[in-house]
């Protein structure tokens, strides 16, 4: 309450304590659009996630990899290996260009 000898504040003219009602500032408009855009983007990401999970679930239960992929059993031999008994024939894997000869750089005393 106001004292009898004090004047009542004029509500028609805004003061520093009262925000003005009118057009928002350009920075406020930009902030509002950024908030709307990020909200829409997050909803879009959520919907894409749900669609992806639904598609992956329709493929059925996951199957374990074959034992050959884990290295638990020997893989079937290639026809060239079965005929010669050589696992990696020399013609199939040429030496890299500029490689040193056999025995060079091998062992515990590699120079120095």
Protein backbone atom coordinates (compact mmCIF):
# COMPACT_ATOMS: atom_id res chain seq x y z
CA UNK A 1 0.00 0.00 0.00
CA UNK A 2 1.07 3.55 -0.56
CA UNK A 3 1.09 6.20 2.10
CA UNK A 4 -1.65 8.82 1.89
CA UNK A 5 0.81 11.57 1.01
CA UNK A 6 2.59 9.63 -1.81
CA UNK A 7 1.42 9.66 -5.40
CA UNK A 8 0.41 6.44 -7.06
CA UNK A 9 2.71 5.29 -9.88
CA UNK A 10 1.43 5.96 -13.36
CA UNK A 11 0.88 2.58 -14.99
CA UNK A 12 0.53 4.09 -18.46
CA UNK A 13 4.22 5.07 -18.68
CA UNK A 14 6.68 2.19 -18.25
CA UNK A 15 9.56 2.50 -15.84
CA UNK A 16 12.83 0.55 -15.67
CA UNK A 17 11.16 -2.07 -13.50
CA UNK A 18 8.31 -2.58 -15.96
CA UNK A 19 9.17 -4.23 -19.30
CA UNK A 20 7.60 -2.70 -22.35
CA UNK A 21 5.03 -4.66 -24.27
CA UNK A 22 5.66 -4.31 -27.97
CA UNK A 23 7.68 -5.70 -30.80
CA UNK A 24 10.53 -7.92 -29.60
CA UNK A 25 14.08 -6.86 -30.26
CA UNK A 26 15.91 -8.45 -33.23
CA UNK A 27 18.12 -10.45 -30.87
CA UNK A 28 15.04 -11.85 -29.11
CA UNK A 29 13.48 -12.80 -32.46
CA UNK A 30 16.70 -14.55 -33.51
CA UNK A 31 16.88 -16.42 -30.22
CA UNK A 32 13.30 -17.56 -30.59
CA UNK A 33 14.00 -18.92 -34.11
CA UNK A 34 17.13 -20.68 -32.90
CA UNK A 35 15.11 -22.34 -30.14
CA UNK A 36 12.41 -23.43 -32.59
CA UNK A 37 14.99 -24.76 -35.05
CA UNK A 38 16.93 -26.75 -32.43
CA UNK A 39 13.70 -28.18 -31.04
CA UNK A 40 12.58 -29.30 -34.49
CA UNK A 41 16.01 -30.76 -35.18
CA UNK A 42 15.98 -32.77 -31.95
CA UNK A 43 12.52 -34.13 -32.74
CA UNK A 44 13.72 -35.07 -36.24
CA UNK A 45 16.77 -36.89 -34.83
CA UNK A 46 14.49 -38.77 -32.42
CA UNK A 47 12.17 -39.86 -35.22
CA UNK A 48 15.09 -41.01 -37.40
CA UNK A 49 16.41 -43.01 -34.43
CA UNK A 50 13.04 -44.70 -33.91
CA UNK A 51 12.76 -45.57 -37.62
CA UNK A 52 16.30 -46.97 -37.63
CA UNK A 53 15.64 -49.12 -34.57
CA UNK A 54 12.39 -50.39 -36.09
CA UNK A 55 14.15 -51.35 -39.33
CA UNK A 56 16.97 -53.10 -37.46
CA UNK A 57 14.49 -55.01 -35.27
CA UNK A 58 12.62 -56.37 -38.28
CA UNK A 59 15.75 -58.27 -39.41
CA UNK A 60 15.28 -60.79 -36.63
CA UNK A 61 17.55 -61.87 -33.80
CA UNK A 62 21.28 -61.37 -34.12
CA UNK A 63 23.29 -64.43 -35.09
CA UNK A 64 26.80 -65.04 -33.77
CA UNK A 65 29.62 -64.80 -36.29
CA UNK A 66 30.94 -68.01 -37.82
CA UNK A 67 33.84 -69.63 -35.95
CA UNK A 68 36.21 -68.86 -38.85
CA UNK A 69 35.71 -65.13 -38.26
CA UNK A 70 36.93 -65.50 -34.67
CA UNK A 71 39.91 -67.67 -35.62
CA UNK A 72 38.67 -70.63 -33.60
CA UNK A 73 38.79 -73.12 -36.47
CA UNK A 74 40.75 -73.31 -39.69
CA UNK A 75 39.13 -71.73 -42.70
CA UNK A 76 38.57 -73.95 -45.72
CA UNK A 77 41.63 -74.16 -47.93
CA UNK A 78 41.78 -72.40 -51.26
CA UNK A 79 42.04 -74.65 -54.35
CA UNK A 80 45.68 -73.60 -55.03
CA UNK A 81 46.65 -74.38 -51.42
CA UNK A 82 44.91 -77.73 -51.47
CA UNK A 83 46.77 -78.76 -54.65
CA UNK A 84 50.29 -77.62 -53.63
CA UNK A 85 50.11 -77.69 -49.84
CA UNK A 86 51.66 -74.22 -49.75
CA UNK A 87 49.50 -71.82 -47.75
CA UNK A 88 50.82 -68.65 -49.44
CA UNK A 89 52.37 -69.39 -52.81
CA UNK A 90 55.19 -67.00 -53.75
CA UNK A 91 53.45 -65.99 -56.97
CA UNK A 92 50.37 -64.84 -55.08
CA UNK A 93 52.19 -62.38 -52.77
CA UNK A 94 55.09 -60.51 -54.39
CA UNK A 95 57.61 -58.84 -52.07
CA UNK A 96 57.10 -55.10 -51.53
CA UNK A 97 59.17 -52.78 -53.69
CA UNK A 98 62.42 -51.69 -52.09
CA UNK A 99 62.34 -54.34 -49.37
CA UNK A 100 65.72 -55.54 -48.02
CA UNK A 101 66.92 -59.03 -48.72
CA UNK A 102 66.19 -61.93 -46.38
CA UNK A 103 67.88 -61.68 -43.01
CA UNK A 104 68.75 -57.98 -43.30
CA UNK A 105 67.42 -56.04 -40.38
CA UNK A 106 66.14 -59.12 -38.58
CA UNK A 107 67.13 -60.23 -35.10
CA UNK A 108 67.99 -58.46 -31.85
CA UNK A 109 71.07 -56.57 -33.22
CA UNK A 110 69.45 -54.39 -35.83
CA UNK A 111 72.17 -51.89 -36.33
CA UNK A 112 73.39 -49.15 -34.11
